[in-house]
N, C-alpha and C. Protein backbone atom coordinates (compact mmCIF):
# COMPACT_ATOMS: atom_id res chain seq x y z
N UNK A 1 36.11 -43.60 -37.89
CA UNK A 1 36.22 -42.36 -37.28
C UNK A 1 35.73 -42.47 -35.80
N UNK A 2 36.56 -41.79 -34.71
CA UNK A 2 36.13 -41.82 -33.39
C UNK A 2 34.93 -40.92 -33.34
N UNK A 3 34.05 -41.37 -32.28
CA UNK A 3 33.06 -40.51 -31.95
C UNK A 3 33.46 -39.41 -31.36
N UNK A 4 32.68 -37.99 -31.53
CA UNK A 4 33.17 -36.75 -31.11
C UNK A 4 32.92 -36.67 -29.44
N UNK A 5 33.72 -36.03 -28.85
CA UNK A 5 33.61 -35.77 -27.46
C UNK A 5 32.56 -34.75 -27.19
N UNK A 6 31.60 -35.10 -26.32
CA UNK A 6 30.49 -33.98 -25.99
C UNK A 6 31.03 -33.26 -24.67
N UNK A 7 30.88 -31.90 -24.99
CA UNK A 7 31.46 -30.82 -24.11
C UNK A 7 30.46 -30.78 -22.79
N UNK A 8 31.06 -30.68 -21.64
CA UNK A 8 30.08 -30.53 -20.40
C UNK A 8 29.52 -29.02 -20.38
N UNK A 9 28.13 -29.15 -20.26
CA UNK A 9 27.52 -27.66 -20.22
C UNK A 9 27.63 -27.31 -18.70
N UNK A 10 27.99 -26.13 -18.67
CA UNK A 10 27.94 -25.43 -17.33
C UNK A 10 26.57 -24.82 -17.01
N UNK A 11 26.03 -24.86 -16.03
CA UNK A 11 24.76 -24.11 -15.61
C UNK A 11 24.89 -22.86 -15.78
N UNK A 12 23.67 -22.11 -16.19
CA UNK A 12 23.75 -20.68 -16.42
C UNK A 12 23.85 -20.06 -14.92
N UNK A 13 24.71 -19.06 -14.93
CA UNK A 13 25.14 -18.15 -13.84
C UNK A 13 23.73 -17.38 -13.42
N UNK A 14 23.55 -17.64 -11.92
CA UNK A 14 22.31 -16.74 -11.75
C UNK A 14 22.94 -15.32 -11.11
N UNK A 15 22.08 -14.49 -11.31
CA UNK A 15 22.31 -13.14 -10.86
C UNK A 15 22.14 -12.97 -9.28
N UNK A 16 23.22 -12.47 -8.68
CA UNK A 16 22.99 -12.33 -7.18
C UNK A 16 21.88 -11.41 -6.87
N UNK A 17 21.07 -11.77 -5.58
CA UNK A 17 19.96 -11.03 -5.26
C UNK A 17 20.22 -9.77 -4.95
N UNK A 18 19.51 -8.74 -5.19
CA UNK A 18 19.71 -7.24 -4.93
C UNK A 18 20.42 -6.45 -6.15
N UNK A 19 20.78 -7.42 -7.08
CA UNK A 19 21.74 -6.54 -8.19
C UNK A 19 20.63 -6.39 -9.16
N UNK A 20 20.75 -5.24 -9.97
CA UNK A 20 19.83 -5.02 -11.00
C UNK A 20 20.05 -5.91 -12.22
N UNK A 21 18.95 -5.94 -13.06
CA UNK A 21 19.03 -6.65 -14.36
C UNK A 21 19.83 -5.95 -15.32
N UNK A 22 20.17 -6.75 -16.37
CA UNK A 22 20.82 -5.96 -17.47
C UNK A 22 19.93 -4.99 -18.04
N UNK A 23 20.28 -3.67 -18.35
CA UNK A 23 19.47 -2.82 -18.96
C UNK A 23 18.68 -2.00 -17.96
N UNK A 24 18.71 -2.41 -16.66
CA UNK A 24 17.82 -1.85 -15.62
C UNK A 24 18.78 -1.15 -14.73
N UNK A 25 18.51 0.19 -14.46
CA UNK A 25 19.34 0.98 -13.51
C UNK A 25 18.75 1.20 -12.36
N UNK A 26 19.34 1.50 -11.33
CA UNK A 26 18.91 1.75 -10.03
C UNK A 26 17.82 3.00 -10.04
N UNK A 27 18.18 3.98 -10.83
CA UNK A 27 17.27 4.80 -10.96
C UNK A 27 15.94 4.66 -11.48
N UNK A 28 15.87 3.75 -12.44
CA UNK A 28 14.65 3.31 -13.02
C UNK A 28 13.86 2.77 -11.98
N UNK A 29 14.40 1.96 -10.97
CA UNK A 29 13.60 1.11 -10.13
C UNK A 29 12.94 2.26 -9.14
N UNK A 30 13.86 3.20 -8.72
CA UNK A 30 13.53 4.14 -7.85
C UNK A 30 12.42 5.11 -8.46
N UNK A 31 12.55 5.33 -9.56
CA UNK A 31 11.25 5.99 -10.31
C UNK A 31 10.04 5.21 -10.41
N UNK A 32 10.22 4.04 -10.42
CA UNK A 32 8.86 3.08 -10.30
C UNK A 32 8.57 2.97 -9.12
N UNK A 33 9.31 2.95 -8.01
CA UNK A 33 8.84 3.20 -6.53
C UNK A 33 8.20 4.50 -6.41
N UNK A 34 8.79 5.34 -6.97
CA UNK A 34 8.19 6.79 -6.66
C UNK A 34 6.95 7.02 -7.32
N UNK A 35 6.67 6.23 -8.48
CA UNK A 35 5.43 6.17 -9.21
C UNK A 35 4.32 5.50 -8.16
N UNK A 36 4.73 4.58 -7.78
CA UNK A 36 3.71 3.53 -7.15
C UNK A 36 3.35 4.44 -5.68
N UNK A 37 4.37 4.94 -5.09
CA UNK A 37 4.06 5.85 -3.89
C UNK A 37 3.15 7.11 -4.17
N UNK A 38 3.35 7.55 -5.42
CA UNK A 38 2.58 8.80 -5.66
C UNK A 38 0.95 8.21 -6.11
N UNK A 39 0.98 7.01 -6.57
CA UNK A 39 -0.46 6.43 -6.92
C UNK A 39 -1.16 6.21 -5.73
N UNK A 40 -0.53 5.64 -4.67
CA UNK A 40 -0.98 5.09 -3.35
C UNK A 40 -1.39 6.58 -2.60
N UNK A 41 -0.72 7.70 -2.57
CA UNK A 41 -0.93 8.88 -1.84
C UNK A 41 -2.22 9.55 -2.75
N UNK A 42 -2.29 9.39 -3.99
CA UNK A 42 -3.50 9.93 -4.61
C UNK A 42 -4.62 9.20 -4.34
N UNK A 43 -4.60 7.72 -4.14
CA UNK A 43 -5.83 7.00 -3.67
C UNK A 43 -6.32 7.17 -2.39
N UNK A 44 -5.27 7.42 -1.54
CA UNK A 44 -5.73 7.99 -0.21
C UNK A 44 -6.21 9.30 -0.07
N UNK A 45 -5.79 10.23 -0.94
CA UNK A 45 -6.20 11.45 -0.79
C UNK A 45 -7.70 11.40 -1.49
N UNK A 46 -8.26 10.45 -2.12
CA UNK A 46 -9.50 10.39 -2.58
C UNK A 46 -10.30 9.58 -1.53
N UNK A 47 -9.82 8.59 -1.05
CA UNK A 47 -10.59 7.66 -0.04
C UNK A 47 -10.81 8.38 1.27
N UNK A 48 -9.92 9.09 1.89
CA UNK A 48 -10.20 9.65 3.25
C UNK A 48 -11.33 10.62 3.44
N UNK A 49 -11.41 11.64 2.56
CA UNK A 49 -12.51 12.37 2.55
C UNK A 49 -13.81 11.80 2.35
N UNK A 50 -13.95 10.67 1.42
CA UNK A 50 -15.11 9.96 1.27
C UNK A 50 -15.63 9.13 2.76
N UNK A 51 -14.49 8.58 3.23
CA UNK A 51 -14.70 7.90 4.51
C UNK A 51 -15.20 8.82 5.61
N UNK A 52 -14.65 10.09 5.62
CA UNK A 52 -15.00 10.94 6.74
C UNK A 52 -16.43 11.44 6.36
N UNK A 53 -16.86 11.52 5.17
CA UNK A 53 -18.13 12.00 4.88
C UNK A 53 -19.23 10.93 5.11
N UNK A 54 -18.92 9.76 5.09
CA UNK A 54 -19.83 8.69 5.51
C UNK A 54 -19.75 8.41 6.95
N UNK A 55 -18.84 8.62 7.76
CA UNK A 55 -18.89 8.76 9.29
C UNK A 55 -19.89 9.80 9.59
N UNK A 56 -19.53 10.95 9.07
CA UNK A 56 -20.42 12.07 9.47
C UNK A 56 -21.85 11.88 9.16
N UNK A 57 -22.12 11.18 8.17
CA UNK A 57 -23.70 10.85 7.62
C UNK A 57 -24.25 9.81 8.74
N UNK A 58 -23.42 8.89 9.04
CA UNK A 58 -23.90 7.97 9.95
C UNK A 58 -24.04 8.57 11.57
N UNK A 59 -23.23 9.56 11.76
CA UNK A 59 -23.46 10.09 13.11
C UNK A 59 -24.73 11.03 13.02
N UNK A 60 -24.90 11.59 12.01
CA UNK A 60 -26.27 12.53 11.74
C UNK A 60 -27.37 11.66 11.79
N UNK A 61 -27.40 10.34 11.26
CA UNK A 61 -28.40 9.46 11.36
C UNK A 61 -28.75 9.03 12.73
N UNK A 62 -27.59 8.59 13.38
CA UNK A 62 -27.70 8.08 14.86
C UNK A 62 -28.38 9.10 15.80
N UNK A 63 -28.02 10.29 15.54
CA UNK A 63 -28.70 11.46 16.31
C UNK A 63 -30.00 11.65 15.92
N UNK A 64 -30.30 11.81 14.60
CA UNK A 64 -31.68 11.94 14.14
C UNK A 64 -32.70 10.77 14.64
N UNK A 65 -32.11 9.61 14.64
CA UNK A 65 -32.98 8.54 15.12
C UNK A 65 -32.97 8.15 16.52
N UNK A 66 -32.32 9.04 17.20
CA UNK A 66 -32.31 9.10 18.68
C UNK A 66 -31.76 7.84 19.20
N UNK A 67 -30.69 7.38 18.46
CA UNK A 67 -30.07 6.04 19.04
C UNK A 67 -29.18 6.43 19.98
N UNK A 68 -28.34 7.65 19.75
CA UNK A 68 -27.45 8.11 20.75
C UNK A 68 -27.40 9.54 20.84
N UNK A 69 -26.73 10.16 21.70
CA UNK A 69 -26.75 11.62 21.88
C UNK A 69 -25.52 12.23 21.24
N UNK A 70 -25.28 13.38 21.14
CA UNK A 70 -24.12 14.17 20.67
C UNK A 70 -23.01 13.78 21.59
N UNK A 71 -23.31 13.71 22.92
CA UNK A 71 -22.14 13.30 24.01
C UNK A 71 -21.65 12.26 23.84
N UNK A 72 -22.56 11.22 23.48
CA UNK A 72 -22.04 9.80 23.31
C UNK A 72 -20.95 9.72 22.12
N UNK A 73 -21.26 10.36 21.16
CA UNK A 73 -20.54 10.54 19.91
C UNK A 73 -19.06 11.12 20.35
N UNK A 74 -19.32 12.14 21.10
CA UNK A 74 -17.89 12.90 21.61
C UNK A 74 -17.05 12.05 22.46
N UNK A 75 -17.75 11.32 23.33
CA UNK A 75 -17.07 10.37 24.28
C UNK A 75 -16.41 9.10 23.39
N UNK A 76 -17.18 8.74 22.48
CA UNK A 76 -16.52 7.84 21.56
C UNK A 76 -15.30 8.11 20.65
N UNK A 77 -15.31 9.33 20.23
CA UNK A 77 -14.29 9.99 19.69
C UNK A 77 -12.97 9.99 20.52
N UNK A 78 -13.20 10.54 21.79
CA UNK A 78 -12.36 10.50 22.75
C UNK A 78 -11.50 9.19 23.01
N UNK A 79 -12.45 8.30 23.13
CA UNK A 79 -12.19 7.07 23.36
C UNK A 79 -11.26 6.45 22.36
N UNK A 80 -11.58 6.65 21.06
CA UNK A 80 -10.94 6.26 20.00
C UNK A 80 -9.32 6.96 19.96
N UNK A 81 -9.50 8.21 20.15
CA UNK A 81 -7.95 9.03 20.34
C UNK A 81 -7.17 8.47 21.51
N UNK A 82 -7.74 8.02 22.47
CA UNK A 82 -6.97 7.48 23.63
C UNK A 82 -6.25 6.22 23.04
N UNK A 83 -7.05 5.25 22.44
CA UNK A 83 -6.47 3.96 22.08
C UNK A 83 -5.42 4.26 20.85
N UNK A 84 -5.42 5.21 20.18
CA UNK A 84 -4.43 5.42 19.09
C UNK A 84 -3.06 5.87 19.50
N UNK A 85 -3.13 6.37 20.82
CA UNK A 85 -1.77 6.85 21.58
C UNK A 85 -0.96 5.88 21.85
């Protein structure tokens, strides 16, 4: 009896970049991105007031310990706003 012929195996097809996986729709990806964006917004809304309060406390201590004057702080804020432009 002659030996059986072995079939050549084709490599698995790769999915093109940018396409959705099977069972995954474009809307589900968008909703996932929307949820991530909302989480980031929520974290920022929590962090910004806390950082602002800490900066105000530091400014208060600088004035109380007479390490700088109120005018120095105003000038520093103006300088930072100029750099942001």
